[in-house]
Amino acid sequence: MKDQPSTEGMQFLESIPRRVITLYIPLAIFLFVLLFPFYWMVVTSFKPNAELLSREGNPFWVMAPTIAHFKKLIFDTPYPEWMLNTVIVSVVATFTSLAASVFAAYAIERLRFKGSKATGLAIFLAYLVPPSILFIPLAAIVFKLGLFDTRWALILTYPTFLIPFCTWLLMGYFRSIPYELEECALIDGATRWQILVKIILPLAVPGLISAGIFAFTLSWNEFIYALTFVSSSEVKTVPVGVITELVEGDVYHWGALMAGALLGSLPVAVMYSFFVEYYVSGMTGAVKE
């Protein structure tokens, strides 16, 4: 007869004072630290300039909400073009990186060739190289290829840090798929391509979604490469455009800055909310031994 799961370790939570001290207060502090920057961003984006510059108003509340900052951002700046550039670059770079990562992770984890472990370790170490070091040689390559100040400069350089991360994540998830399924398919005459497409990928959907979300988020928030390889306003992405176009010398247009940050964070938040279940299961499978 199997042992029943023990609940002795949670008995200390039966007391309300202990529950408040050990659970509710730390959780409240965590939520406050996590959500307060977003609250401040929302409040600032709806405040009129008079309230932003006033020393007598309440800094934590809006007395007279306005959408003037959003109107200025959308109609008086190239923000819609920045958003379009960010979407195009992030989507193309994410799908390109995922495709390359699937082949790399499958080859390393499932084909069992000599030196596969060393290759996997090398890919993981490549992800640890800071972008602040890589952008210097990449800049020379971009200039020589004539891609400077184009979307292709970002689409082709973002996979340099997306592919190592996605490959490492998918390696862990592919490792959790039983090898017996692949061996049975080989006995039945399936090719490696059929096994990958019809067996491995359907089972690895949570891992693919998890890797895709991470890759999309990294691409969406990338700043150094976009700042280095793009100079024209109509080609900039949201992280670079908001910082470079809405700051004039020592004048910070805080309302428009926060409005741009708020609108720029919504797509990623919506994506996480839709795929949170796949994301959690994908990360769980990726860390299994």
Protein backbone atom coordinates (compact mmCIF):
# COMPACT_ATOMS: atom_id res chain seq x y z
CA MET A 1 0.00 0.00 0.00
CA LYS A 2 1.41 3.36 -1.03
CA ASP A 3 2.20 5.88 1.63
CA GLN A 4 -0.18 8.77 1.84
CA PRO A 5 1.35 12.18 1.10
CA SER A 6 2.49 13.83 4.30
CA THR A 7 1.00 17.17 5.29
CA GLU A 8 2.97 17.62 8.49
CA GLY A 9 5.15 20.29 6.95
CA MET A 10 2.12 22.54 6.30
CA GLN A 11 0.54 22.27 9.75
CA PHE A 12 2.19 25.47 10.91
CA LEU A 13 -0.06 27.38 8.44
CA GLU A 14 -3.22 26.32 10.28
CA SER A 15 -2.78 29.17 12.72
CA ILE A 16 -4.05 32.48 11.29
CA PRO A 17 -1.26 34.66 12.81
CA ARG A 18 1.41 32.32 11.44
CA ARG A 19 -0.33 32.27 8.06
CA VAL A 20 -0.37 36.05 7.97
CA ILE A 21 3.29 36.37 8.92
CA THR A 22 4.70 33.55 6.80
CA LEU A 23 2.41 33.73 3.76
CA TYR A 24 0.27 36.81 3.32
CA ILE A 25 2.75 39.52 4.32
CA PRO A 26 5.64 38.18 2.15
CA LEU A 27 3.20 37.67 -0.74
CA ALA A 28 1.87 41.21 -0.37
CA ILE A 29 5.41 42.63 -0.33
CA PHE A 30 6.31 40.61 -3.41
CA LEU A 31 3.23 41.78 -5.31
CA PHE A 32 3.84 45.40 -4.33
CA VAL A 33 7.46 45.34 -5.54
CA LEU A 34 6.41 43.54 -8.72
CA LEU A 35 3.37 45.62 -9.68
CA PHE A 36 4.23 49.09 -8.39
CA PRO A 37 6.39 50.03 -11.45
CA PHE A 38 3.45 49.19 -13.73
CA TYR A 39 1.07 51.19 -11.55
CA TRP A 40 3.44 54.16 -11.65
CA MET A 41 3.71 53.84 -15.41
CA VAL A 42 -0.08 53.87 -15.83
CA VAL A 43 -0.57 56.80 -13.46
CA THR A 44 2.13 58.89 -15.12
CA SER A 45 0.86 58.21 -18.63
CA PHE A 46 -2.60 59.60 -17.75
CA LYS A 47 -1.40 62.63 -15.78
CA PRO A 48 -1.52 66.07 -17.46
CA ASN A 49 1.74 68.01 -17.60
CA ALA A 50 0.48 70.41 -14.93
CA GLU A 51 0.18 67.57 -12.42
CA LEU A 52 3.47 66.02 -13.47
CA LEU A 53 5.33 69.26 -12.78
CA SER A 54 3.35 70.29 -9.70
CA ARG A 55 4.85 69.76 -6.23
CA GLU A 56 1.49 70.03 -4.48
CA GLY A 57 -0.39 67.22 -6.24
CA ASN A 58 -0.59 63.59 -5.18
CA PRO A 59 2.22 61.70 -6.97
CA PHE A 60 0.40 58.36 -6.55
CA TRP A 61 -2.95 59.35 -8.03
CA VAL A 62 -4.40 61.18 -11.05
CA MET A 63 -6.66 64.13 -10.26
CA ALA A 64 -7.59 65.04 -13.85
CA PRO A 65 -6.89 62.11 -16.24
CA THR A 66 -5.98 62.91 -19.83
CA ILE A 67 -5.12 61.00 -22.99
CA ALA A 68 -3.07 63.87 -24.44
CA HIS A 69 0.15 61.90 -24.02
CA PHE A 70 -1.25 58.98 -26.02
CA LYS A 71 -2.48 61.32 -28.75
CA LYS A 72 0.94 62.97 -28.94
CA LEU A 73 2.65 59.58 -29.03
CA ILE A 74 0.48 58.12 -31.79
CA PHE A 75 -0.13 61.18 -34.00
CA ASP A 76 2.93 63.41 -33.42
CA THR A 77 5.67 60.78 -33.35
CA PRO A 78 6.54 57.76 -35.56
CA TYR A 79 5.43 55.42 -32.73
CA PRO A 80 3.12 53.33 -34.99
CA GLU A 81 6.11 52.71 -37.30
CA TRP A 82 8.28 51.77 -34.32
CA MET A 83 5.62 49.32 -33.18
CA LEU A 84 5.34 47.80 -36.66
CA ASN A 85 9.13 47.46 -36.91
CA THR A 86 9.26 45.80 -33.50
CA VAL A 87 6.52 43.31 -34.41
CA ILE A 88 8.09 42.39 -37.76
CA VAL A 89 11.60 42.01 -36.38
CA SER A 90 10.49 40.07 -33.29
CA VAL A 91 8.19 37.67 -35.16
CA VAL A 92 10.62 36.90 -38.00
CA ALA A 93 13.62 36.55 -35.67
CA THR A 94 11.63 34.33 -33.29
CA PHE A 95 10.38 31.90 -35.95
CA THR A 96 13.80 31.77 -37.63
CA SER A 97 15.51 31.06 -34.34
CA LEU A 98 12.94 28.43 -33.36
CA ALA A 99 13.39 26.59 -36.64
CA ALA A 100 17.17 26.50 -36.26
CA SER A 101 16.91 25.57 -32.58
CA VAL A 102 14.59 22.64 -33.26
CA PHE A 103 17.08 21.07 -35.67
CA ALA A 104 20.03 21.76 -33.38
CA ALA A 105 18.31 20.44 -30.22
CA TYR A 106 17.01 17.33 -32.01
CA ALA A 107 20.42 16.53 -33.45
CA ILE A 108 22.18 16.96 -30.11
CA GLU A 109 19.67 15.11 -27.92
CA ARG A 110 18.24 12.41 -30.20
CA LEU A 111 20.94 11.46 -32.73
CA ARG A 112 23.56 10.75 -30.05
CA PHE A 113 26.58 11.55 -32.19
CA LYS A 114 30.10 11.75 -30.80
CA GLY A 115 30.70 15.07 -29.07
CA SER A 116 27.01 15.91 -28.70
CA LYS A 117 27.35 16.80 -25.02
CA ALA A 118 30.29 19.09 -25.71
CA THR A 119 28.31 20.75 -28.51
CA GLY A 120 25.35 21.32 -26.21
CA LEU A 121 27.62 22.82 -23.57
CA ALA A 122 29.24 25.09 -26.16
CA ILE A 123 25.82 26.33 -27.29
CA PHE A 124 24.86 27.10 -23.72
CA LEU A 125 28.14 28.96 -23.11
CA ALA A 126 27.52 30.98 -26.27
CA TYR A 127 24.27 32.21 -24.74
CA LEU A 128 26.22 33.50 -21.73
CA VAL A 129 28.36 35.83 -23.86
CA PRO A 130 27.12 39.40 -23.18
CA PRO A 131 25.63 41.25 -26.18
CA SER A 132 27.77 44.24 -25.23
CA ILE A 133 30.77 42.22 -26.43
CA LEU A 134 29.19 40.70 -29.53
CA PHE A 135 27.76 43.89 -31.02
CA ILE A 136 31.23 45.21 -31.96
CA PRO A 137 32.17 42.38 -34.41
CA LEU A 138 28.55 42.14 -35.52
CA ALA A 139 28.57 45.84 -36.37
CA ALA A 140 31.52 45.31 -38.72
CA ILE A 141 29.69 42.43 -40.43
CA VAL A 142 26.49 44.46 -40.78
CA PHE A 143 28.37 47.36 -42.37
CA LYS A 144 30.23 45.09 -44.81
CA LEU A 145 26.99 43.41 -45.90
CA GLY A 146 25.33 46.79 -46.47
CA LEU A 147 22.54 46.05 -43.99
CA PHE A 148 23.06 49.03 -41.71
CA ASP A 149 19.89 51.00 -40.90
CA THR A 150 17.56 48.25 -42.16
CA ARG A 151 15.27 45.75 -40.46
CA TRP A 152 17.41 42.93 -41.82
CA ALA A 153 20.28 44.12 -39.64
CA LEU A 154 18.19 43.25 -36.59
CA ILE A 155 16.48 40.16 -38.02
CA LEU A 156 19.84 38.56 -38.83
CA THR A 157 21.63 39.55 -35.61
CA TYR A 158 18.95 38.72 -33.05
CA PRO A 159 19.30 34.94 -33.66
CA THR A 160 22.88 35.18 -32.35
CA PHE A 161 21.47 35.26 -28.82
CA LEU A 162 18.06 33.65 -29.48
CA ILE A 163 19.26 30.38 -31.03
CA PRO A 164 21.61 29.38 -28.16
CA PHE A 165 18.90 30.01 -25.57
CA CYS A 166 16.10 28.27 -27.50
CA THR A 167 18.37 25.33 -28.30
CA TRP A 168 19.32 24.88 -24.65
CA LEU A 169 15.66 25.06 -23.60
CA LEU A 170 14.48 22.59 -26.26
CA MET A 171 17.32 20.19 -25.47
CA GLY A 172 15.92 19.79 -21.98
CA TYR A 173 12.40 19.25 -23.29
CA PHE A 174 13.43 16.79 -26.02
CA ARG A 175 15.32 14.86 -23.34
CA SER A 176 12.05 14.26 -21.49
CA ILE A 177 10.40 12.54 -24.49
CA PRO A 178 10.77 8.72 -24.25
CA TYR A 179 13.28 7.27 -26.70
CA GLU A 180 11.07 4.19 -27.13
CA LEU A 181 8.64 6.20 -29.28
CA GLU A 182 11.41 7.06 -31.69
CA GLU A 183 12.78 3.53 -31.77
CA CYS A 184 9.34 2.08 -32.55
CA ALA A 185 8.91 4.57 -35.40
CA LEU A 186 12.31 3.61 -36.82
CA ILE A 187 11.35 -0.07 -36.72
CA ASP A 188 8.14 0.76 -38.61
CA GLY A 189 10.21 2.41 -41.35
CA ALA A 190 9.75 6.10 -40.49
CA THR A 191 12.44 8.53 -41.54
CA ARG A 192 14.12 10.99 -39.21
CA TRP A 193 12.14 13.83 -40.77
CA GLN A 194 8.84 11.99 -40.23
CA ILE A 195 9.79 11.25 -36.63
CA LEU A 196 10.61 14.90 -36.00
CA VAL A 197 7.47 16.26 -37.64
CA LYS A 198 4.90 13.65 -36.59
CA ILE A 199 6.16 12.52 -33.18
CA ILE A 200 8.69 14.87 -31.56
CA LEU A 201 7.21 18.24 -32.46
CA PRO A 202 3.58 17.41 -31.48
CA LEU A 203 4.81 16.17 -28.10
CA ALA A 204 7.07 19.20 -27.70
CA VAL A 205 4.41 21.86 -28.31
CA PRO A 206 4.59 23.23 -24.73
CA GLY A 207 8.37 23.46 -25.01
CA LEU A 208 8.13 25.19 -28.39
CA ILE A 209 5.63 27.71 -27.03
CA SER A 210 7.80 28.34 -23.98
CA ALA A 211 10.91 28.88 -26.11
CA GLY A 212 8.92 31.04 -28.53
CA ILE A 213 7.61 33.27 -25.75
CA PHE A 214 11.08 33.75 -24.33
CA ALA A 215 12.56 34.44 -27.77
CA PHE A 216 9.81 36.91 -28.63
CA THR A 217 10.25 38.71 -25.31
CA LEU A 218 14.02 38.96 -25.73
CA SER A 219 13.60 40.28 -29.27
CA TRP A 220 10.88 42.74 -28.24
CA ASN A 221 12.96 44.23 -25.41
CA GLU A 222 16.36 44.19 -27.15
CA PHE A 223 18.09 47.58 -27.02
CA ILE A 224 21.84 47.45 -27.74
CA TYR A 225 21.69 45.95 -31.24
CA ALA A 226 18.73 48.12 -32.23
CA LEU A 227 20.55 51.23 -31.01
CA THR A 228 23.77 50.32 -32.83
CA PHE A 229 22.52 49.00 -36.17
CA VAL A 230 19.64 51.43 -36.80
CA SER A 231 19.72 55.22 -36.98
CA SER A 232 16.72 56.36 -39.06
CA SER A 233 13.60 57.17 -37.06
CA GLU A 234 11.31 55.19 -39.37
CA VAL A 235 13.33 51.99 -38.86
CA LYS A 236 13.72 52.15 -35.08
CA THR A 237 12.05 49.75 -32.69
CA VAL A 238 9.96 50.76 -29.68
CA PRO A 239 12.69 50.45 -26.99
CA VAL A 240 15.08 52.63 -28.98
CA GLY A 241 12.54 55.05 -30.44
CA VAL A 242 10.97 55.89 -27.10
CA ILE A 243 14.32 56.66 -25.49
CA THR A 244 15.95 58.56 -28.37
CA GLU A 245 12.96 60.48 -29.75
CA LEU A 246 11.10 61.44 -26.56
CA VAL A 247 14.13 62.77 -24.69
CA GLU A 248 15.32 66.14 -25.97
CA GLY A 249 18.56 67.09 -24.27
CA ASP A 250 17.72 67.37 -20.59
CA VAL A 251 13.95 67.52 -21.23
CA TYR A 252 12.14 64.29 -20.51
CA HIS A 253 8.58 64.01 -21.83
CA TRP A 254 7.54 61.73 -18.98
CA GLY A 255 3.90 61.42 -19.98
CA ALA A 256 4.69 60.31 -23.52
CA LEU A 257 7.57 58.14 -22.31
CA MET A 258 5.34 56.25 -19.92
CA ALA A 259 2.55 56.01 -22.49
CA GLY A 260 5.01 54.50 -24.97
CA ALA A 261 6.30 52.07 -22.37
CA LEU A 262 2.75 51.08 -21.44
CA LEU A 263 1.67 50.42 -25.03
CA GLY A 264 4.94 48.63 -25.74
CA SER A 265 4.47 46.25 -22.82
CA LEU A 266 0.90 45.23 -23.69
CA PRO A 267 1.68 42.74 -26.54
CA VAL A 268 4.07 40.75 -24.36
CA ALA A 269 1.64 40.77 -21.43
CA VAL A 270 -1.20 39.58 -23.67
CA MET A 271 0.96 36.79 -25.09
CA TYR A 272 1.92 35.56 -21.61
CA SER A 273 -1.71 35.61 -20.48
CA PHE A 274 -2.82 33.47 -23.43
CA PHE A 275 -0.02 30.90 -23.28
CA VAL A 276 0.71 30.81 -19.54
CA GLU A 277 -0.36 27.14 -19.19
CA TYR A 278 1.86 26.00 -22.07
CA TYR A 279 4.64 28.23 -20.78
CA VAL A 280 4.63 26.66 -17.31
CA SER A 281 4.42 23.09 -18.63
CA GLY A 282 7.15 23.84 -21.18
CA MET A 283 9.51 25.15 -18.53
CA THR A 284 8.71 22.16 -16.28
CA GLY A 285 9.58 19.73 -19.06
CA ALA A 286 12.74 21.62 -19.91
CA VAL A 287 14.22 21.26 -16.44
CA LYS A 288 13.43 17.54 -16.01
CA GLU A 289 16.39 15.25 -15.81
